[in-house]
Amino acid sequence: MTLERIIQMLPVKHIDRSIDFYGKLGFTVENQNSDWGWAMLKFGDCRLMVDQSINVHPDSPRLGVTYLYPDDIEAFHSNARSNGLDVPELETTFYGMTEFRLDDPDGNRLWIGQTKNGG
């Protein structure tokens, strides 16, 4: 038995605001159902779901962390900034990743990084 894939679903308050935010990171809408307040976003072979219907505590801060692994952290970082996101400087962590961290509009934490050898 194998697990073929995993897709994180993030609870959000406003689907359109979330789609706009993730669009600035390079995601596009693969599928959307406005009646549910749900969307499947894609970036290459990667997928991420955002969903208003699972947001049972809309005023609570989000506790999830999603780690994104771009193949070129500097280009990804530059693209996020050029699209108007307020992102911190790149840092090299004690565990060898070059990364930056930011929160989406609903408080879901994103860590975005790449190892020195690109993995």
Protein backbone atom coordinates (compact mmCIF):
# COMPACT_ATOMS: atom_id res chain seq x y z
CA MET A 1 0.00 0.00 0.00
CA THR A 2 1.25 3.50 -0.81
CA LEU A 3 0.05 7.02 -0.26
CA GLU A 4 -0.14 8.67 -3.67
CA ARG A 5 -0.26 12.32 -2.58
CA ILE A 6 -1.17 14.68 0.20
CA ILE A 7 -2.76 18.11 -0.20
CA GLN A 8 -3.04 20.52 2.68
CA MET A 9 -6.41 22.24 3.10
CA LEU A 10 -6.22 25.60 4.87
CA PRO A 11 -9.21 27.20 6.61
CA VAL A 12 -9.72 30.75 5.36
CA LYS A 13 -12.11 33.62 6.05
CA HIS A 14 -12.39 35.07 2.53
CA ILE A 15 -11.80 32.82 -0.46
CA ASP A 16 -11.15 35.66 -2.93
CA ARG A 17 -8.60 37.32 -0.62
CA SER A 18 -6.82 33.99 -0.20
CA ILE A 19 -6.77 33.31 -3.94
CA ASP A 20 -5.28 36.77 -4.49
CA PHE A 21 -2.58 36.21 -1.83
CA TYR A 22 -1.53 32.81 -3.15
CA GLY A 23 -1.64 34.16 -6.70
CA LYS A 24 1.09 36.59 -5.67
CA LEU A 25 3.20 33.58 -4.70
CA GLY A 26 2.65 32.03 -8.13
CA PHE A 27 -0.35 29.76 -7.53
CA THR A 28 -3.25 29.65 -10.00
CA VAL A 29 -6.79 28.37 -9.52
CA GLU A 30 -7.19 24.83 -10.79
CA ASN A 31 -10.77 24.42 -9.56
CA GLN A 32 -13.13 26.56 -7.53
CA ASN A 33 -16.61 26.28 -6.05
CA SER A 34 -17.88 29.66 -4.90
CA ASP A 35 -20.97 28.10 -3.28
CA TRP A 36 -18.71 26.24 -0.85
CA GLY A 37 -16.05 28.93 -0.60
CA TRP A 38 -13.43 26.40 -1.73
CA ALA A 39 -10.60 26.40 -4.26
CA MET A 40 -7.86 24.03 -5.38
CA LEU A 41 -4.73 26.02 -6.17
CA LYS A 42 -1.77 24.74 -8.16
CA PHE A 43 1.83 25.69 -8.72
CA GLY A 44 3.49 23.23 -11.10
CA ASP A 45 2.83 19.76 -9.69
CA CYS A 46 1.98 21.11 -6.22
CA ARG A 47 -1.55 21.61 -4.93
CA LEU A 48 -3.05 23.52 -1.99
CA MET A 49 -6.71 23.81 -1.02
CA VAL A 50 -8.25 26.85 0.67
CA ASP A 51 -11.71 26.49 2.18
CA GLN A 52 -14.14 28.78 4.03
CA SER A 53 -16.47 25.91 4.99
CA ILE A 54 -13.96 24.31 7.39
CA ASN A 55 -13.29 27.61 9.15
CA VAL A 56 -15.39 26.78 12.23
CA HIS A 57 -13.64 29.39 14.38
CA PRO A 58 -13.19 32.31 11.94
CA ASP A 59 -11.77 34.73 14.51
CA SER A 60 -9.17 32.30 15.88
CA PRO A 61 -5.60 32.53 14.67
CA ARG A 62 -4.52 29.73 12.36
CA LEU A 63 -2.10 27.19 13.75
CA GLY A 64 -1.01 25.33 10.62
CA VAL A 65 2.39 25.58 8.98
CA THR A 66 2.90 24.75 5.32
CA TYR A 67 6.45 24.38 4.02
CA LEU A 68 6.96 25.23 0.35
CA TYR A 69 10.08 24.01 -1.47
CA PRO A 70 10.73 26.07 -4.61
CA ASP A 71 13.58 25.05 -6.91
CA ASP A 72 15.00 28.60 -6.83
CA ILE A 73 14.44 30.33 -3.48
CA GLU A 74 15.94 33.63 -4.61
CA ALA A 75 13.67 33.86 -7.66
CA PHE A 76 10.63 32.82 -5.60
CA HIS A 77 11.47 35.42 -2.94
CA SER A 78 12.00 38.13 -5.55
CA ASN A 79 8.73 37.24 -7.29
CA ALA A 80 6.76 37.44 -4.02
CA ARG A 81 8.21 40.89 -3.34
CA SER A 82 7.63 42.15 -6.88
CA ASN A 83 3.99 41.05 -6.53
CA GLY A 84 3.59 43.34 -3.53
CA LEU A 85 3.94 40.96 -0.60
CA ASP A 86 5.80 42.22 2.44
CA VAL A 87 8.32 39.41 2.88
CA PRO A 88 11.34 39.36 5.18
CA GLU A 89 14.90 38.94 3.99
CA LEU A 90 16.18 35.47 3.15
CA GLU A 91 17.98 33.79 6.03
CA THR A 92 20.12 30.67 6.32
CA THR A 93 18.90 28.51 9.18
CA PHE A 94 20.92 26.33 11.55
CA TYR A 95 19.48 23.31 9.69
CA GLY A 96 20.90 24.43 6.35
CA MET A 97 17.88 25.90 4.61
CA THR A 98 17.77 29.29 2.94
CA GLU A 99 14.25 30.43 3.73
CA PHE A 100 11.76 33.12 4.61
CA ARG A 101 8.51 32.92 6.53
CA LEU A 102 5.24 34.77 6.26
CA ASP A 103 1.58 34.46 7.19
CA ASP A 104 -1.29 34.38 4.75
CA PRO A 105 -4.26 36.72 5.35
CA ASP A 106 -5.82 34.16 7.73
CA GLY A 107 -2.75 33.56 9.87
CA ASN A 108 -1.71 30.28 8.24
CA ARG A 109 2.09 30.21 8.49
CA LEU A 110 4.19 29.60 5.37
CA TRP A 111 7.83 28.59 5.54
CA ILE A 112 9.46 28.76 2.13
CA GLY A 113 12.94 27.36 1.67
CA GLN A 114 15.61 25.51 -0.23
CA THR A 115 18.71 23.59 0.83
CA LYS A 116 22.10 24.77 -0.37
CA ASN A 117 22.22 21.96 -2.93
CA GLY A 118 18.71 22.70 -4.20
CA GLY A 119 16.73 19.95 -2.47
